[in-house]
Amino acid sequence: MFQKISSAVSFFLFVFFASSVFSAQLVNINTANALVLAEGLNGIGSAKAQAIVEYREQHGDFVSADELINVSGIGPKLVERNRSVISTGEVATSGGSVVTPKIQTPASTAVSTAVPVATDAPAQTSN
């Protein structure tokens, strides 16, 4: 009986901790607004989040998380604490190179507005 309870408790703890580890969402520091930055990054409040957005607007996209130390009020320890959830939008490929995903849009987005027109000719059928 004790072994069953112990196993159940162990399983519960594993599921609880595993779900909390895997539920962390990446925060793209190049696209996130101040609210997303403040909620998604540990130790970043609304003032620092706004400073990140303003820095990005003035200097362009961040190439790496390490560039956050250029933002007033953010130091290396804060960056290191959040490194696992910070994204710049780059994705590593299996060959080891890094690419920035681009959203591909169709060359033509024209929609046909043709309307079928009824004719007096009988429909042809194949035998």
N, C-alpha and C. Protein backbone atom coordinates (compact mmCIF):
# COMPACT_ATOMS: atom_id res chain seq x y z
N MET A 1 0.82 -1.19 0.00
CA MET A 1 0.00 0.00 0.00
C MET A 1 0.87 1.26 0.00
N PHE A 2 1.89 1.29 0.86
CA PHE A 2 2.79 2.44 0.93
C PHE A 2 3.51 2.65 -0.40
N GLN A 3 3.88 1.54 -1.03
CA GLN A 3 4.60 1.63 -2.31
C GLN A 3 3.71 2.27 -3.38
N LYS A 4 2.42 1.94 -3.39
CA LYS A 4 1.50 2.51 -4.37
C LYS A 4 1.35 4.02 -4.14
N ILE A 5 1.23 4.41 -2.87
CA ILE A 5 1.10 5.84 -2.56
C ILE A 5 2.39 6.57 -2.93
N SER A 6 3.52 5.97 -2.58
CA SER A 6 4.81 6.57 -2.90
C SER A 6 4.99 6.73 -4.41
N SER A 7 4.59 5.72 -5.17
CA SER A 7 4.68 5.79 -6.63
C SER A 7 3.77 6.86 -7.19
N ALA A 8 2.57 6.96 -6.64
CA ALA A 8 1.62 7.97 -7.11
C ALA A 8 2.13 9.38 -6.82
N VAL A 9 2.69 9.58 -5.63
CA VAL A 9 3.23 10.89 -5.27
C VAL A 9 4.42 11.22 -6.16
N SER A 10 5.29 10.27 -6.40
CA SER A 10 6.45 10.48 -7.26
C SER A 10 6.00 10.85 -8.67
N PHE A 11 5.01 10.14 -9.18
CA PHE A 11 4.51 10.42 -10.53
C PHE A 11 3.93 11.83 -10.58
N PHE A 12 3.13 12.20 -9.58
CA PHE A 12 2.54 13.53 -9.54
C PHE A 12 3.61 14.61 -9.54
N LEU A 13 4.62 14.43 -8.69
CA LEU A 13 5.69 15.43 -8.62
C LEU A 13 6.44 15.54 -9.94
N PHE A 14 6.69 14.40 -10.60
CA PHE A 14 7.37 14.41 -11.88
C PHE A 14 6.56 15.19 -12.91
N VAL A 15 5.27 14.88 -12.99
CA VAL A 15 4.40 15.56 -13.97
C VAL A 15 4.32 17.05 -13.66
N PHE A 16 4.19 17.39 -12.38
CA PHE A 16 4.09 18.80 -12.00
C PHE A 16 5.34 19.58 -12.39
N PHE A 17 6.51 19.07 -12.01
CA PHE A 17 7.75 19.78 -12.32
C PHE A 17 8.09 19.75 -13.80
N ALA A 18 7.81 18.64 -14.47
CA ALA A 18 8.08 18.56 -15.90
C ALA A 18 7.21 19.54 -16.67
N SER A 19 5.95 19.67 -16.28
CA SER A 19 5.08 20.59 -17.00
C SER A 19 5.49 22.03 -16.77
N SER A 20 5.97 22.35 -15.57
CA SER A 20 6.39 23.73 -15.32
C SER A 20 7.67 24.06 -16.07
N VAL A 21 8.55 23.08 -16.26
CA VAL A 21 9.79 23.31 -17.00
C VAL A 21 9.49 23.49 -18.48
N PHE A 22 8.61 22.65 -19.03
CA PHE A 22 8.34 22.69 -20.45
C PHE A 22 7.31 23.74 -20.84
N SER A 23 6.66 24.37 -19.86
CA SER A 23 5.65 25.36 -20.21
C SER A 23 6.25 26.75 -20.43
N ALA A 24 7.53 26.93 -20.16
CA ALA A 24 8.17 28.22 -20.38
C ALA A 24 8.12 28.57 -21.86
N GLN A 25 7.64 29.76 -22.16
CA GLN A 25 7.51 30.21 -23.53
C GLN A 25 8.70 31.08 -23.90
N LEU A 26 9.17 30.93 -25.11
CA LEU A 26 10.24 31.81 -25.59
C LEU A 26 9.68 33.22 -25.79
N VAL A 27 10.49 34.19 -25.50
CA VAL A 27 10.12 35.59 -25.69
C VAL A 27 11.05 36.16 -26.75
N ASN A 28 10.48 36.53 -27.88
CA ASN A 28 11.26 37.12 -28.97
C ASN A 28 11.46 38.60 -28.65
N ILE A 29 12.68 38.95 -28.27
CA ILE A 29 12.95 40.32 -27.85
C ILE A 29 12.92 41.30 -29.03
N ASN A 30 12.83 40.79 -30.25
CA ASN A 30 12.75 41.66 -31.42
C ASN A 30 11.32 41.97 -31.84
N THR A 31 10.36 41.22 -31.31
CA THR A 31 8.97 41.45 -31.71
C THR A 31 8.02 41.67 -30.55
N ALA A 32 8.43 41.30 -29.34
CA ALA A 32 7.54 41.39 -28.18
C ALA A 32 7.30 42.84 -27.77
N ASN A 33 6.07 43.11 -27.35
CA ASN A 33 5.78 44.44 -26.82
C ASN A 33 6.18 44.47 -25.34
N ALA A 34 6.05 45.62 -24.70
CA ALA A 34 6.50 45.78 -23.32
C ALA A 34 5.76 44.84 -22.37
N LEU A 35 4.49 44.61 -22.59
CA LEU A 35 3.71 43.73 -21.71
C LEU A 35 4.23 42.30 -21.77
N VAL A 36 4.48 41.82 -22.98
CA VAL A 36 4.99 40.45 -23.16
C VAL A 36 6.37 40.31 -22.54
N LEU A 37 7.22 41.31 -22.72
CA LEU A 37 8.55 41.29 -22.13
C LEU A 37 8.47 41.25 -20.60
N ALA A 38 7.62 42.08 -20.02
CA ALA A 38 7.49 42.15 -18.56
C ALA A 38 6.94 40.86 -17.98
N GLU A 39 6.00 40.24 -18.68
CA GLU A 39 5.40 39.00 -18.18
C GLU A 39 6.26 37.78 -18.45
N GLY A 40 7.05 37.82 -19.51
CA GLY A 40 7.79 36.63 -19.92
C GLY A 40 9.22 36.54 -19.42
N LEU A 41 9.77 37.66 -18.96
CA LEU A 41 11.17 37.66 -18.52
C LEU A 41 11.26 37.92 -17.02
N ASN A 42 12.02 37.09 -16.35
CA ASN A 42 12.19 37.18 -14.90
C ASN A 42 13.03 38.41 -14.54
N GLY A 43 12.51 39.25 -13.65
CA GLY A 43 13.25 40.43 -13.22
C GLY A 43 13.05 41.64 -14.11
N ILE A 44 12.19 41.53 -15.10
CA ILE A 44 11.90 42.64 -16.00
C ILE A 44 10.50 43.16 -15.68
N GLY A 45 10.44 44.37 -15.19
CA GLY A 45 9.16 44.99 -14.92
C GLY A 45 8.74 45.87 -16.09
N SER A 46 7.71 46.65 -15.89
CA SER A 46 7.19 47.47 -16.99
C SER A 46 8.19 48.54 -17.45
N ALA A 47 8.96 49.12 -16.52
CA ALA A 47 9.92 50.17 -16.90
C ALA A 47 11.05 49.60 -17.75
N LYS A 48 11.63 48.47 -17.33
CA LYS A 48 12.72 47.87 -18.10
C LYS A 48 12.20 47.33 -19.43
N ALA A 49 10.99 46.78 -19.41
CA ALA A 49 10.41 46.27 -20.65
C ALA A 49 10.23 47.41 -21.66
N GLN A 50 9.75 48.56 -21.20
CA GLN A 50 9.59 49.72 -22.08
C GLN A 50 10.95 50.20 -22.58
N ALA A 51 11.97 50.13 -21.72
CA ALA A 51 13.31 50.53 -22.13
C ALA A 51 13.84 49.61 -23.23
N ILE A 52 13.53 48.31 -23.15
CA ILE A 52 13.94 47.36 -24.20
C ILE A 52 13.28 47.73 -25.52
N VAL A 53 11.99 48.00 -25.48
CA VAL A 53 11.25 48.36 -26.70
C VAL A 53 11.82 49.65 -27.30
N GLU A 54 12.07 50.64 -26.48
CA GLU A 54 12.61 51.91 -26.97
C GLU A 54 14.01 51.75 -27.55
N TYR A 55 14.84 50.94 -26.90
CA TYR A 55 16.19 50.68 -27.42
C TYR A 55 16.10 50.01 -28.79
N ARG A 56 15.21 49.03 -28.90
CA ARG A 56 15.04 48.31 -30.17
C ARG A 56 14.54 49.25 -31.26
N GLU A 57 13.64 50.15 -30.94
CA GLU A 57 13.13 51.09 -31.93
C GLU A 57 14.21 52.06 -32.40
N GLN A 58 15.14 52.43 -31.51
CA GLN A 58 16.21 53.36 -31.85
C GLN A 58 17.38 52.70 -32.57
N HIS A 59 17.71 51.45 -32.18
CA HIS A 59 18.92 50.80 -32.68
C HIS A 59 18.68 49.60 -33.59
N GLY A 60 17.44 49.20 -33.78
CA GLY A 60 17.15 48.05 -34.62
C GLY A 60 17.13 46.76 -33.80
N ASP A 61 16.88 45.67 -34.50
CA ASP A 61 16.73 44.37 -33.85
C ASP A 61 17.99 43.94 -33.12
N PHE A 62 17.79 43.17 -32.07
CA PHE A 62 18.89 42.56 -31.33
C PHE A 62 19.40 41.37 -32.13
N VAL A 63 20.71 41.22 -32.20
CA VAL A 63 21.31 40.07 -32.87
C VAL A 63 21.42 38.90 -31.90
N SER A 64 21.65 39.22 -30.62
CA SER A 64 21.75 38.18 -29.60
C SER A 64 21.20 38.72 -28.28
N ALA A 65 20.94 37.80 -27.36
CA ALA A 65 20.45 38.18 -26.04
C ALA A 65 21.47 39.05 -25.31
N ASP A 66 22.75 38.83 -25.59
CA ASP A 66 23.80 39.58 -24.91
C ASP A 66 23.70 41.09 -25.15
N GLU A 67 23.10 41.50 -26.24
CA GLU A 67 22.96 42.92 -26.54
C GLU A 67 22.04 43.64 -25.57
N LEU A 68 21.24 42.88 -24.81
CA LEU A 68 20.34 43.50 -23.85
C LEU A 68 21.09 44.30 -22.79
N ILE A 69 22.36 43.97 -22.57
CA ILE A 69 23.12 44.73 -21.55
C ILE A 69 23.33 46.17 -21.97
N ASN A 70 23.09 46.49 -23.23
CA ASN A 70 23.18 47.87 -23.69
C ASN A 70 21.97 48.71 -23.27
N VAL A 71 20.93 48.03 -22.81
CA VAL A 71 19.72 48.72 -22.36
C VAL A 71 19.93 49.15 -20.91
N SER A 72 19.63 50.40 -20.62
CA SER A 72 19.80 50.93 -19.27
C SER A 72 19.02 50.09 -18.26
N GLY A 73 19.72 49.67 -17.18
CA GLY A 73 19.08 48.91 -16.12
C GLY A 73 19.15 47.41 -16.28
N ILE A 74 19.73 46.95 -17.38
CA ILE A 74 19.84 45.51 -17.60
C ILE A 74 21.31 45.13 -17.64
N GLY A 75 21.67 44.20 -16.77
CA GLY A 75 23.06 43.75 -16.69
C GLY A 75 23.22 42.30 -17.09
N PRO A 76 24.45 41.81 -17.10
CA PRO A 76 24.74 40.45 -17.52
C PRO A 76 24.02 39.38 -16.68
N LYS A 77 23.86 39.62 -15.39
CA LYS A 77 23.18 38.63 -14.54
C LYS A 77 21.71 38.48 -14.93
N LEU A 78 21.07 39.58 -15.25
CA LEU A 78 19.67 39.53 -15.66
C LEU A 78 19.52 38.82 -17.00
N VAL A 79 20.45 39.08 -17.90
CA VAL A 79 20.42 38.39 -19.20
C VAL A 79 20.63 36.89 -18.99
N GLU A 80 21.60 36.53 -18.17
CA GLU A 80 21.90 35.11 -17.93
C GLU A 80 20.72 34.40 -17.29
N ARG A 81 20.04 35.07 -16.38
CA ARG A 81 18.87 34.49 -15.71
C ARG A 81 17.75 34.16 -16.70
N ASN A 82 17.67 34.91 -17.78
CA ASN A 82 16.59 34.74 -18.75
C ASN A 82 17.03 34.10 -20.07
N ARG A 83 18.29 33.77 -20.19
CA ARG A 83 18.83 33.29 -21.47
C ARG A 83 18.01 32.14 -22.07
N SER A 84 17.51 31.24 -21.24
CA SER A 84 16.80 30.06 -21.75
C SER A 84 15.45 30.40 -22.39
N VAL A 85 14.91 31.58 -22.12
CA VAL A 85 13.62 31.95 -22.70
C VAL A 85 13.71 33.09 -23.69
N ILE A 86 14.90 33.65 -23.87
CA ILE A 86 15.07 34.76 -24.81
C ILE A 86 15.31 34.23 -26.21
N SER A 87 14.59 34.80 -27.15
CA SER A 87 14.76 34.47 -28.57
C SER A 87 14.95 35.76 -29.35
N THR A 88 15.72 35.68 -30.42
CA THR A 88 15.86 36.82 -31.33
C THR A 88 15.20 36.50 -32.67
N GLY A 89 14.52 35.37 -32.73
CA GLY A 89 13.85 34.97 -33.96
C GLY A 89 14.69 34.08 -34.83
N GLU A 90 15.91 33.77 -34.40
CA GLU A 90 16.79 32.90 -35.19
C GLU A 90 16.55 31.45 -34.81
N VAL A 91 16.76 30.57 -35.78
CA VAL A 91 16.58 29.13 -35.58
C VAL A 91 17.83 28.43 -36.06
N ALA A 92 18.39 27.55 -35.23
CA ALA A 92 19.57 26.78 -35.64
C ALA A 92 19.13 25.65 -36.57
N THR A 93 19.88 25.42 -37.61
CA THR A 93 19.58 24.33 -38.54
C THR A 93 20.40 23.11 -38.16
N SER A 94 20.07 21.97 -38.76
CA SER A 94 20.79 20.74 -38.44
C SER A 94 22.26 20.82 -38.85
N GLY A 95 22.59 21.67 -39.79
CA GLY A 95 23.97 21.83 -40.23
C GLY A 95 24.77 22.76 -39.33
N GLY A 96 24.13 23.31 -38.30
CA GLY A 96 24.83 24.17 -37.37
C GLY A 96 24.74 25.65 -37.69
N SER A 97 24.25 26.00 -38.88
CA SER A 97 24.14 27.42 -39.22
C SER A 97 22.87 27.99 -38.58
N VAL A 98 22.80 29.28 -38.52
CA VAL A 98 21.66 29.96 -37.92
C VAL A 98 20.96 30.76 -39.00
N VAL A 99 19.65 30.63 -39.07
CA VAL A 99 18.87 31.38 -40.05
C VAL A 99 17.76 32.13 -39.33
N THR A 100 17.34 33.21 -39.91
CA THR A 100 16.19 33.94 -39.40
C THR A 100 15.01 33.58 -40.28
N PRO A 101 13.97 32.97 -39.68
CA PRO A 101 12.83 32.56 -40.50
C PRO A 101 12.13 33.76 -41.11
N LYS A 102 11.74 33.63 -42.33
CA LYS A 102 11.00 34.68 -43.03
C LYS A 102 9.60 34.15 -43.29
N ILE A 103 8.64 35.02 -43.19
CA ILE A 103 7.27 34.63 -43.51
C ILE A 103 7.11 34.80 -45.00
N GLN A 104 6.77 33.71 -45.65
CA GLN A 104 6.62 33.77 -47.10
C GLN A 104 5.17 34.04 -47.44
N THR A 105 4.99 34.99 -48.32
CA THR A 105 3.64 35.32 -48.77
C THR A 105 3.56 35.01 -50.26
N PRO A 106 2.40 34.64 -50.72
CA PRO A 106 2.26 34.34 -52.14
C PRO A 106 2.56 35.58 -52.98
N ALA A 107 3.15 35.35 -54.16
CA ALA A 107 3.49 36.46 -55.04
C ALA A 107 2.23 37.20 -55.47
N SER A 108 1.19 36.47 -55.71
CA SER A 108 -0.06 37.11 -56.11
C SER A 108 -1.15 36.73 -55.13
N THR A 109 -1.82 37.71 -54.62
CA THR A 109 -2.92 37.44 -53.70
C THR A 109 -4.25 37.82 -54.34
N ALA A 110 -4.25 37.90 -55.67
CA ALA A 110 -5.46 38.26 -56.39
C ALA A 110 -6.51 37.17 -56.21
N VAL A 111 -7.73 37.60 -56.02
CA VAL A 111 -8.84 36.67 -55.86
C VAL A 111 -9.72 36.80 -57.08
N SER A 112 -10.09 35.68 -57.62
CA SER A 112 -10.95 35.69 -58.80
C SER A 112 -12.34 36.15 -58.40
N THR A 113 -12.85 37.12 -59.13
CA THR A 113 -14.20 37.61 -58.86
C THR A 113 -15.14 37.22 -60.00
N ALA A 114 -14.70 36.27 -60.83
CA ALA A 114 -15.52 35.83 -61.95
C ALA A 114 -16.79 35.16 -61.43
N VAL A 115 -17.90 35.49 -62.07
CA VAL A 115 -19.19 34.92 -61.69
C VAL A 115 -19.68 34.08 -62.86
N PRO A 116 -20.10 32.84 -62.57
CA PRO A 116 -20.62 32.02 -63.68
C PRO A 116 -21.82 32.71 -64.32
N VAL A 117 -21.85 32.64 -65.63
CA VAL A 117 -22.94 33.27 -66.37
C VAL A 117 -23.79 32.17 -67.00
N ALA A 118 -25.09 32.26 -66.80
CA ALA A 118 -26.01 31.26 -67.37
C ALA A 118 -26.14 31.51 -68.86
N THR A 119 -26.16 30.44 -69.63
CA THR A 119 -26.36 30.56 -71.08
C THR A 119 -27.60 29.79 -71.47
N ASP A 120 -28.08 30.07 -72.66
CA ASP A 120 -29.26 29.39 -73.15
C ASP A 120 -28.90 28.04 -73.77
N ALA A 121 -27.62 27.79 -73.99
CA ALA A 121 -27.21 26.53 -74.62
C ALA A 121 -27.33 25.41 -73.61
N PRO A 122 -27.80 24.24 -74.09
CA PRO A 122 -27.92 23.10 -73.18
C PRO A 122 -26.53 22.60 -72.76
N ALA A 123 -26.44 22.09 -71.57
CA ALA A 123 -25.17 21.57 -71.08
C ALA A 123 -24.81 20.32 -71.85
N GLN A 124 -23.53 20.19 -72.18
CA GLN A 124 -23.07 19.02 -72.90
C GLN A 124 -22.70 17.94 -71.90
N THR A 125 -23.07 16.73 -72.21
CA THR A 125 -22.73 15.60 -71.35
C THR A 125 -21.91 14.63 -72.16
N SER A 126 -21.01 13.93 -71.48
CA SER A 126 -20.21 12.93 -72.19
C SER A 126 -20.82 11.55 -71.96
N ASN A 127 -20.76 10.73 -72.95
CA ASN A 127 -21.37 9.40 -72.87
C ASN A 127 -20.41 8.40 -72.40
